[in-house]
């Protein structure tokens, strides 16, 4: 069980990656944002701070449209994840 859990949603749209809702134990509780109507994919980036105070970051696709060619095109244009997302820990 982690000491802290943070969850950030990002939506891939025709305009690029858009910030979604945020849920967290430490950084201000939660911030709800409406889901863009033109999204083709929703990525959830989670950060869990373990008992050794080490951050564990992972990505999960929470939703995607049934148009794989559009998803592929937008990922090629805007990248696999938002530039301001938490860095993945190697």
PDB file of N, CA and C in Angstrom:
ATOM      1  N   UNK A   1       0.843  -1.184   0.000  1.00  0.00           N
ATOM      2  CA  UNK A   1       0.000   0.000   0.000  1.00  0.00           C
ATOM      3  C   UNK A   1       0.882   1.239   0.000  1.00  0.00           C
ATOM      4  N   UNK A   2       0.570   2.184  -0.852  1.00  0.00           N
ATOM      5  CA  UNK A   2       1.366   3.392  -0.959  1.00  0.00           C
ATOM      6  C   UNK A   2       0.971   4.434   0.071  1.00  0.00           C
ATOM      7  N   UNK A   3       1.908   5.317   0.344  1.00  0.00           N
ATOM      8  CA  UNK A   3       1.642   6.410   1.268  1.00  0.00           C
ATOM      9  C   UNK A   3       0.818   7.508   0.610  1.00  0.00           C
ATOM     10  N   UNK A   4       0.975   7.651  -0.699  1.00  0.00           N
ATOM     11  CA  UNK A   4       0.284   8.709  -1.425  1.00  0.00           C
ATOM     12  C   UNK A   4      -0.042   8.210  -2.821  1.00  0.00           C
ATOM     13  N   UNK A   5      -1.210   8.581  -3.318  1.00  0.00           N
ATOM     14  CA  UNK A   5      -1.606   8.226  -4.684  1.00  0.00           C
ATOM     15  C   UNK A   5      -2.103   9.480  -5.389  1.00  0.00           C
ATOM     16  N   UNK A   6      -1.574   9.699  -6.575  1.00  0.00           N
ATOM     17  CA  UNK A   6      -1.998  10.808  -7.416  1.00  0.00           C
ATOM     18  C   UNK A   6      -2.407  10.221  -8.764  1.00  0.00           C
ATOM     19  N   UNK A   7      -3.458  10.765  -9.365  1.00  0.00           N
ATOM     20  CA  UNK A   7      -3.955  10.254 -10.648  1.00  0.00           C
ATOM     21  C   UNK A   7      -4.298  11.443 -11.546  1.00  0.00           C
ATOM     22  N   UNK A   8      -3.647  11.489 -12.702  1.00  0.00           N
ATOM     23  CA  UNK A   8      -3.848  12.570 -13.660  1.00  0.00           C
ATOM     24  C   UNK A   8      -4.444  11.993 -14.943  1.00  0.00           C
ATOM     25  N   UNK A   9      -5.472  12.623 -15.469  1.00  0.00           N
ATOM     26  CA  UNK A   9      -6.046  12.209 -16.741  1.00  0.00           C
ATOM     27  C   UNK A   9      -5.612  13.189 -17.824  1.00  0.00           C
ATOM     28  N   UNK A  10      -5.288  12.649 -18.986  1.00  0.00           N
ATOM     29  CA  UNK A  10      -4.956  13.442 -20.161  1.00  0.00           C
ATOM     30  C   UNK A  10      -5.749  12.883 -21.330  1.00  0.00           C
ATOM     31  N   UNK A  11      -6.270  13.778 -22.175  1.00  0.00           N
ATOM     32  CA  UNK A  11      -7.090  13.374 -23.311  1.00  0.00           C
ATOM     33  C   UNK A  11      -6.392  13.779 -24.604  1.00  0.00           C
ATOM     34  N   UNK A  12      -6.242  12.822 -25.509  1.00  0.00           N
ATOM     35  CA  UNK A  12      -5.691  13.106 -26.823  1.00  0.00           C
ATOM     36  C   UNK A  12      -6.838  13.531 -27.732  1.00  0.00           C
ATOM     37  N   UNK A  13      -6.712  14.725 -28.294  1.00  0.00           N
ATOM     38  CA  UNK A  13      -7.739  15.286 -29.164  1.00  0.00           C
ATOM     39  C   UNK A  13      -7.091  15.780 -30.454  1.00  0.00           C
ATOM     40  N   UNK A  14      -7.908  16.263 -31.374  1.00  0.00           N
ATOM     41  CA  UNK A  14      -7.384  16.817 -32.625  1.00  0.00           C
ATOM     42  C   UNK A  14      -6.562  18.082 -32.370  1.00  0.00           C
ATOM     43  N   UNK A  15      -6.677  18.660 -31.172  1.00  0.00           N
ATOM     44  CA  UNK A  15      -5.917  19.860 -30.789  1.00  0.00           C
ATOM     45  C   UNK A  15      -4.662  19.516 -29.992  1.00  0.00           C
ATOM     46  N   UNK A  16      -4.435  18.233 -29.760  1.00  0.00           N
ATOM     47  CA  UNK A  16      -3.292  17.783 -28.968  1.00  0.00           C
ATOM     48  C   UNK A  16      -3.745  17.199 -27.636  1.00  0.00           C
ATOM     49  N   UNK A  17      -2.794  17.039 -26.716  1.00  0.00           N
ATOM     50  CA  UNK A  17      -3.085  16.517 -25.388  1.00  0.00           C
ATOM     51  C   UNK A  17      -3.731  17.611 -24.540  1.00  0.00           C
ATOM     52  N   UNK A  18      -4.850  17.298 -23.910  1.00  0.00           N
ATOM     53  CA  UNK A  18      -5.568  18.234 -23.049  1.00  0.00           C
ATOM     54  C   UNK A  18      -5.571  17.677 -21.630  1.00  0.00           C
ATOM     55  N   UNK A  19      -5.386  18.566 -20.643  1.00  0.00           N
ATOM     56  CA  UNK A  19      -5.456  18.142 -19.247  1.00  0.00           C
ATOM     57  C   UNK A  19      -6.870  17.697 -18.906  1.00  0.00           C
ATOM     58  N   UNK A  20      -6.936  16.631 -18.127  1.00  0.00           N
ATOM     59  CA  UNK A  20      -8.217  16.140 -17.639  1.00  0.00           C
ATOM     60  C   UNK A  20      -8.299  16.312 -16.137  1.00  0.00           C
ATOM     61  N   UNK A  21      -9.077  15.473 -15.512  1.00  0.00           N
ATOM     62  CA  UNK A  21      -9.276  15.549 -14.064  1.00  0.00           C
ATOM     63  C   UNK A  21      -8.039  15.080 -13.312  1.00  0.00           C
ATOM     64  N   UNK A  22      -7.970  15.480 -12.049  1.00  0.00           N
ATOM     65  CA  UNK A  22      -6.869  15.116 -11.158  1.00  0.00           C
ATOM     66  C   UNK A  22      -7.464  14.621  -9.848  1.00  0.00           C
ATOM     67  N   UNK A  23      -6.902  13.549  -9.339  1.00  0.00           N
ATOM     68  CA  UNK A  23      -7.302  13.008  -8.041  1.00  0.00           C
ATOM     69  C   UNK A  23      -6.037  12.755  -7.250  1.00  0.00           C
ATOM     70  N   UNK A  24      -5.969  13.232  -6.013  1.00  0.00           N
ATOM     71  CA  UNK A  24      -4.750  13.024  -5.260  1.00  0.00           C
ATOM     72  C   UNK A  24      -4.926  13.106  -3.766  1.00  0.00           C
ATOM     73  N   UNK A  25      -4.003  12.471  -3.077  1.00  0.00           N
ATOM     74  CA  UNK A  25      -3.983  12.488  -1.623  1.00  0.00           C
ATOM     75  C   UNK A  25      -3.298  13.735  -1.083  1.00  0.00           C
ATOM     76  N   UNK A  26      -2.285  14.229  -1.807  1.00  0.00           N
ATOM     77  CA  UNK A  26      -1.426  15.278  -1.269  1.00  0.00           C
ATOM     78  C   UNK A  26      -1.626  16.613  -1.974  1.00  0.00           C
ATOM     79  N   UNK A  27      -1.641  16.614  -3.280  1.00  0.00           N
ATOM     80  CA  UNK A  27      -1.634  17.857  -4.063  1.00  0.00           C
ATOM     81  C   UNK A  27      -3.029  18.440  -4.278  1.00  0.00           C
ATOM     82  N   UNK A  28      -3.780  18.639  -3.241  1.00  0.00           N
ATOM     83  CA  UNK A  28      -5.026  19.380  -3.360  1.00  0.00           C
ATOM     84  C   UNK A  28      -6.283  18.583  -3.588  1.00  0.00           C
ATOM     85  N   UNK A  29      -6.309  17.314  -3.266  1.00  0.00           N
ATOM     86  CA  UNK A  29      -7.545  16.546  -3.362  1.00  0.00           C
ATOM     87  C   UNK A  29      -7.918  16.176  -4.772  1.00  0.00           C
ATOM     88  N   UNK A  30      -8.860  16.902  -5.358  1.00  0.00           N
ATOM     89  CA  UNK A  30      -9.242  16.592  -6.724  1.00  0.00           C
ATOM     90  C   UNK A  30      -9.642  17.846  -7.480  1.00  0.00           C
ATOM     91  N   UNK A  31      -9.473  17.764  -8.775  1.00  0.00           N
ATOM     92  CA  UNK A  31      -9.878  18.848  -9.656  1.00  0.00           C
ATOM     93  C   UNK A  31     -10.579  18.196 -10.844  1.00  0.00           C
ATOM     94  N   UNK A  32     -11.858  18.429 -10.950  1.00  0.00           N
ATOM     95  CA  UNK A  32     -12.648  17.808 -11.998  1.00  0.00           C
ATOM     96  C   UNK A  32     -12.663  18.699 -13.237  1.00  0.00           C
ATOM     97  N   UNK A  33     -12.459  18.089 -14.389  1.00  0.00           N
ATOM     98  CA  UNK A  33     -12.544  18.790 -15.668  1.00  0.00           C
ATOM     99  C   UNK A  33     -13.434  17.970 -16.591  1.00  0.00           C
ATOM    100  N   UNK A  34     -14.159  18.668 -17.434  1.00  0.00           N
ATOM    101  CA  UNK A  34     -15.008  17.984 -18.399  1.00  0.00           C
ATOM    102  C   UNK A  34     -14.155  17.274 -19.443  1.00  0.00           C
ATOM    103  N   UNK A  35     -14.619  16.118 -19.861  1.00  0.00           N
ATOM    104  CA  UNK A  35     -13.937  15.367 -20.904  1.00  0.00           C
ATOM    105  C   UNK A  35     -14.221  16.016 -22.256  1.00  0.00           C
ATOM    106  N   UNK A  36     -13.178  16.310 -23.048  1.00  0.00           N
ATOM    107  CA  UNK A  36     -13.403  16.925 -24.353  1.00  0.00           C
ATOM    108  C   UNK A  36     -14.233  16.009 -25.265  1.00  0.00           C
ATOM    109  N   UNK A  37     -15.156  16.588 -25.996  1.00  0.00           N
ATOM    110  CA  UNK A  37     -16.035  15.787 -26.852  1.00  0.00           C
ATOM    111  C   UNK A  37     -15.297  15.188 -28.046  1.00  0.00           C
ATOM    112  N   UNK A  38     -14.138  15.761 -28.397  1.00  0.00           N
ATOM    113  CA  UNK A  38     -13.387  15.266 -29.551  1.00  0.00           C
ATOM    114  C   UNK A  38     -12.210  14.365 -29.171  1.00  0.00           C
ATOM    115  N   UNK A  39     -12.212  13.836 -27.978  1.00  0.00           N
ATOM    116  CA  UNK A  39     -11.092  12.975 -27.574  1.00  0.00           C
ATOM    117  C   UNK A  39     -11.114  11.670 -28.382  1.00  0.00           C
ATOM    118  N   UNK A  40      -9.916  11.133 -28.598  1.00  0.00           N
ATOM    119  CA  UNK A  40      -9.796   9.824 -29.224  1.00  0.00           C
ATOM    120  C   UNK A  40      -9.163   8.818 -28.265  1.00  0.00           C
ATOM    121  N   UNK A  41      -8.571   9.339 -27.178  1.00  0.00           N
ATOM    122  CA  UNK A  41      -7.943   8.464 -26.192  1.00  0.00           C
ATOM    123  C   UNK A  41      -7.811   9.212 -24.872  1.00  0.00           C
ATOM    124  N   UNK A  42      -7.943   8.476 -23.782  1.00  0.00           N
ATOM    125  CA  UNK A  42      -7.686   9.023 -22.451  1.00  0.00           C
ATOM    126  C   UNK A  42      -6.574   8.208 -21.812  1.00  0.00           C
ATOM    127  N   UNK A  43      -5.528   8.920 -21.376  1.00  0.00           N
ATOM    128  CA  UNK A  43      -4.386   8.315 -20.710  1.00  0.00           C
ATOM    129  C   UNK A  43      -4.432   8.716 -19.244  1.00  0.00           C
ATOM    130  N   UNK A  44      -4.261   7.747 -18.364  1.00  0.00           N
ATOM    131  CA  UNK A  44      -4.179   8.018 -16.932  1.00  0.00           C
ATOM    132  C   UNK A  44      -2.737   7.788 -16.499  1.00  0.00           C
ATOM    133  N   UNK A  45      -2.151   8.816 -15.882  1.00  0.00           N
ATOM    134  CA  UNK A  45      -0.799   8.718 -15.339  1.00  0.00           C
ATOM    135  C   UNK A  45      -0.944   8.715 -13.823  1.00  0.00           C
ATOM    136  N   UNK A  46      -0.472   7.648 -13.206  1.00  0.00           N
ATOM    137  CA  UNK A  46      -0.594   7.495 -11.758  1.00  0.00           C
ATOM    138  C   UNK A  46       0.781   7.523 -11.112  1.00  0.00           C
ATOM    139  N   UNK A  47       0.839   8.145  -9.946  1.00  0.00           N
ATOM    140  CA  UNK A  47       2.066   8.177  -9.162  1.00  0.00           C
ATOM    141  C   UNK A  47       1.722   7.681  -7.763  1.00  0.00           C
ATOM    142  N   UNK A  48       2.413   6.645  -7.347  1.00  0.00           N
ATOM    143  CA  UNK A  48       2.226   6.100  -6.004  1.00  0.00           C
ATOM    144  C   UNK A  48       3.548   6.238  -5.271  1.00  0.00           C
ATOM    145  N   UNK A  49       3.511   6.911  -4.137  1.00  0.00           N
ATOM    146  CA  UNK A  49       4.694   7.072  -3.302  1.00  0.00           C
ATOM    147  C   UNK A  49       4.704   5.917  -2.310  1.00  0.00           C
ATOM    148  N   UNK A  50       5.736   5.073  -2.398  1.00  0.00           N
ATOM    149  CA  UNK A  50       5.764   3.902  -1.523  1.00  0.00           C
ATOM    150  C   UNK A  50       6.316   4.255  -0.136  1.00  0.00           C
ATOM    151  N   UNK A  51       6.356   3.271   0.735  1.00  0.00           N
ATOM    152  CA  UNK A  51       6.769   3.503   2.121  1.00  0.00           C
ATOM    153  C   UNK A  51       8.224   3.913   2.241  1.00  0.00           C
ATOM    154  N   UNK A  52       9.028   3.649   1.199  1.00  0.00           N
ATOM    155  CA  UNK A  52      10.417   4.105   1.169  1.00  0.00           C
ATOM    156  C   UNK A  52      10.540   5.480   0.534  1.00  0.00           C
ATOM    157  N   UNK A  53       9.400   6.141   0.330  1.00  0.00           N
ATOM    158  CA  UNK A  53       9.310   7.469  -0.284  1.00  0.00           C
ATOM    159  C   UNK A  53       9.824   7.485  -1.721  1.00  0.00           C
ATOM    160  N   UNK A  54       9.740   6.332  -2.398  1.00  0.00           N
ATOM    161  CA  UNK A  54      10.118   6.233  -3.802  1.00  0.00           C
ATOM    162  C   UNK A  54       8.861   6.381  -4.657  1.00  0.00           C
ATOM    163  N   UNK A  55       8.887   7.264  -5.661  1.00  0.00           N
ATOM    164  CA  UNK A  55       7.723   7.392  -6.541  1.00  0.00           C
ATOM    165  C   UNK A  55       7.699   6.273  -7.585  1.00  0.00           C
ATOM    166  N   UNK A  56       6.546   5.710  -7.792  1.00  0.00           N
ATOM    167  CA  UNK A  56       6.319   4.728  -8.841  1.00  0.00           C
ATOM    168  C   UNK A  56       5.295   5.330  -9.784  1.00  0.00           C
ATOM    169  N   UNK A  57       5.690   5.546 -11.038  1.00  0.00           N
ATOM    170  CA  UNK A  57       4.826   6.197 -12.011  1.00  0.00           C
ATOM    171  C   UNK A  57       4.493   5.196 -13.104  1.00  0.00           C
ATOM    172  N   UNK A  58       3.230   5.136 -13.467  1.00  0.00           N
ATOM    173  CA  UNK A  58       2.834   4.260 -14.565  1.00  0.00           C
ATOM    174  C   UNK A  58       1.684   4.875 -15.345  1.00  0.00           C
ATOM    175  N   UNK A  59       1.624   4.500 -16.631  1.00  0.00           N
ATOM    176  CA  UNK A  59       0.596   4.970 -17.551  1.00  0.00           C
ATOM    177  C   UNK A  59      -0.387   3.839 -17.826  1.00  0.00           C
ATOM    178  N   UNK A  60      -1.622   4.230 -18.072  1.00  0.00           N
ATOM    179  CA  UNK A  60      -2.642   3.258 -18.449  1.00  0.00           C
ATOM    180  C   UNK A  60      -3.626   3.943 -19.392  1.00  0.00           C
ATOM    181  N   UNK A  61      -3.918   3.297 -20.512  1.00  0.00           N
ATOM    182  CA  UNK A  61      -4.948   3.813 -21.406  1.00  0.00           C
ATOM    183  C   UNK A  61      -6.288   3.447 -20.791  1.00  0.00           C
ATOM    184  N   UNK A  62      -7.056   4.471 -20.432  1.00  0.00           N
ATOM    185  CA  UNK A  62      -8.340   4.255 -19.762  1.00  0.00           C
ATOM    186  C   UNK A  62      -9.488   4.142 -20.757  1.00  0.00           C
ATOM    187  N   UNK A  63      -9.328   4.767 -21.923  1.00  0.00           N
ATOM    188  CA  UNK A  63     -10.375   4.735 -22.939  1.00  0.00           C
ATOM    189  C   UNK A  63      -9.748   5.076 -24.279  1.00  0.00           C
ATOM    190  N   UNK A  64     -10.270   4.481 -25.357  1.00  0.00           N
ATOM    191  CA  UNK A  64      -9.864   4.869 -26.695  1.00  0.00           C
ATOM    192  C   UNK A  64     -11.015   4.659 -27.666  1.00  0.00           C
ATOM    193  N   UNK A  65     -11.038   5.476 -28.709  1.00  0.00           N
ATOM    194  CA  UNK A  65     -12.096   5.387 -29.699  1.00  0.00           C
ATOM    195  C   UNK A  65     -11.902   4.130 -30.546  1.00  0.00           C
ATOM    196  N   UNK A  66     -12.867   3.864 -31.371  1.00  0.00           N
ATOM    197  CA  UNK A  66     -12.780   2.685 -32.239  1.00  0.00           C
ATOM    198  C   UNK A  66     -12.175   3.031 -33.606  1.00  0.00           C
ATOM    199  N   UNK A  67     -11.418   4.129 -33.677  1.00  0.00           N
ATOM    200  CA  UNK A  67     -10.754   4.555 -34.909  1.00  0.00           C
ATOM    201  C   UNK A  67      -9.236   4.497 -34.721  1.00  0.00           C
ATOM    202  N   UNK A  68      -8.632   3.320 -34.896  1.00  0.00           N
ATOM    203  CA  UNK A  68      -7.199   3.178 -34.628  1.00  0.00           C
ATOM    204  C   UNK A  68      -6.320   4.026 -35.551  1.00  0.00           C
ATOM    205  N   UNK A  69      -6.769   4.297 -36.759  1.00  0.00           N
ATOM    206  CA  UNK A  69      -5.965   5.124 -37.662  1.00  0.00           C
ATOM    207  C   UNK A  69      -5.884   6.570 -37.180  1.00  0.00           C
ATOM    208  N   UNK A  70      -6.984   7.100 -36.669  1.00  0.00           N
ATOM    209  CA  UNK A  70      -6.980   8.458 -36.128  1.00  0.00           C
ATOM    210  C   UNK A  70      -6.112   8.538 -34.871  1.00  0.00           C
ATOM    211  N   UNK A  71      -6.204   7.542 -34.012  1.00  0.00           N
ATOM    212  CA  UNK A  71      -5.361   7.499 -32.815  1.00  0.00           C
ATOM    213  C   UNK A  71      -3.889   7.487 -33.216  1.00  0.00           C
ATOM    214  N   UNK A  72      -3.539   6.626 -34.156  1.00  0.00           N
ATOM    215  CA  UNK A  72      -2.153   6.516 -34.610  1.00  0.00           C
ATOM    216  C   UNK A  72      -1.666   7.846 -35.196  1.00  0.00           C
ATOM    217  N   UNK A  73      -2.502   8.500 -35.997  1.00  0.00           N
ATOM    218  CA  UNK A  73      -2.128   9.774 -36.612  1.00  0.00           C
ATOM    219  C   UNK A  73      -1.874  10.840 -35.551  1.00  0.00           C
ATOM    220  N   UNK A  74      -2.773  10.924 -34.558  1.00  0.00           N
ATOM    221  CA  UNK A  74      -2.629  11.946 -33.517  1.00  0.00           C
ATOM    222  C   UNK A  74      -1.456  11.646 -32.591  1.00  0.00           C
ATOM    223  N   UNK A  75      -1.194  10.380 -32.301  1.00  0.00           N
ATOM    224  CA  UNK A  75      -0.017  10.027 -31.502  1.00  0.00           C
ATOM    225  C   UNK A  75       1.270  10.410 -32.235  1.00  0.00           C
ATOM    226  N   UNK A  76       1.290  10.207 -33.551  1.00  0.00           N
ATOM    227  CA  UNK A  76       2.469  10.585 -34.340  1.00  0.00           C
ATOM    228  C   UNK A  76       2.659  12.101 -34.325  1.00  0.00           C
ATOM    229  N   UNK A  77       1.565  12.832 -34.345  1.00  0.00           N
ATOM    230  CA  UNK A  77       1.646  14.296 -34.374  1.00  0.00           C
ATOM    231  C   UNK A  77       1.971  14.902 -33.010  1.00  0.00           C
ATOM    232  N   UNK A  78       1.375  14.351 -31.929  1.00  0.00           N
ATOM    233  CA  UNK A  78       1.487  14.984 -30.615  1.00  0.00           C
ATOM    234  C   UNK A  78       2.289  14.185 -29.582  1.00  0.00           C
ATOM    235  N   UNK A  79       2.736  12.986 -29.926  1.00  0.00           N
ATOM    236  CA  UNK A  79       3.535  12.186 -29.002  1.00  0.00           C
ATOM    237  C   UNK A  79       2.711  11.191 -28.220  1.00  0.00           C
ATOM    238  N   UNK A  80       3.414  10.212 -27.640  1.00  0.00           N
ATOM    239  CA  UNK A  80       2.774   9.115 -26.908  1.00  0.00           C
ATOM    240  C   UNK A  80       2.176   9.522 -25.572  1.00  0.00           C
ATOM    241  N   UNK A  81       2.655  10.635 -25.037  1.00  0.00           N
ATOM    242  CA  UNK A  81       2.135  11.119 -23.756  1.00  0.00           C
ATOM    243  C   UNK A  81       2.362  12.622 -23.693  1.00  0.00           C
ATOM    244  N   UNK A  82       1.599  13.311 -22.879  1.00  0.00           N
ATOM    245  CA  UNK A  82       1.749  14.766 -22.781  1.00  0.00           C
ATOM    246  C   UNK A  82       3.139  15.157 -22.287  1.00  0.00           C
ATOM    247  N   UNK A  83       3.638  16.274 -22.780  1.00  0.00           N
ATOM    248  CA  UNK A  83       4.971  16.741 -22.381  1.00  0.00           C
ATOM    249  C   UNK A  83       5.038  17.096 -20.898  1.00  0.00           C
ATOM    250  N   UNK A  84       3.926  17.540 -20.314  1.00  0.00           N
ATOM    251  CA  UNK A  84       3.941  17.944 -18.905  1.00  0.00           C
ATOM    252  C   UNK A  84       3.546  16.826 -17.945  1.00  0.00           C
ATOM    253  N   UNK A  85       3.376  15.607 -18.459  1.00  0.00           N
ATOM    254  CA  UNK A  85       3.034  14.474 -17.596  1.00  0.00           C
ATOM    255  C   UNK A  85       4.223  14.114 -16.710  1.00  0.00           C
ATOM    256  N   UNK A  86       3.931  13.496 -15.596  1.00  0.00           N
ATOM    257  CA  UNK A  86       5.003  13.036 -14.707  1.00  0.00           C
ATOM    258  C   UNK A  86       5.968  12.146 -15.478  1.00  0.00           C
ATOM    259  N   UNK A  87       7.257  12.286 -15.260  1.00  0.00           N
ATOM    260  CA  UNK A  87       8.204  11.427 -15.953  1.00  0.00           C
ATOM    261  C   UNK A  87       8.098  10.001 -15.453  1.00  0.00           C
ATOM    262  N   UNK A  88       8.256   9.061 -16.380  1.00  0.00           N
ATOM    263  CA  UNK A  88       8.300   7.660 -15.971  1.00  0.00           C
ATOM    264  C   UNK A  88       9.637   7.401 -15.298  1.00  0.00           C
ATOM    265  N   UNK A  89       9.609   6.724 -14.179  1.00  0.00           N
ATOM    266  CA  UNK A  89      10.824   6.395 -13.430  1.00  0.00           C
ATOM    267  C   UNK A  89      11.386   5.094 -13.986  1.00  0.00           C
ATOM    268  N   UNK A  90      12.611   5.121 -14.395  1.00  0.00           N
ATOM    269  CA  UNK A  90      13.260   3.918 -14.955  1.00  0.00           C
ATOM    270  C   UNK A  90      13.955   3.152 -13.862  1.00  0.00           C
TER     271      UNK A  90
END
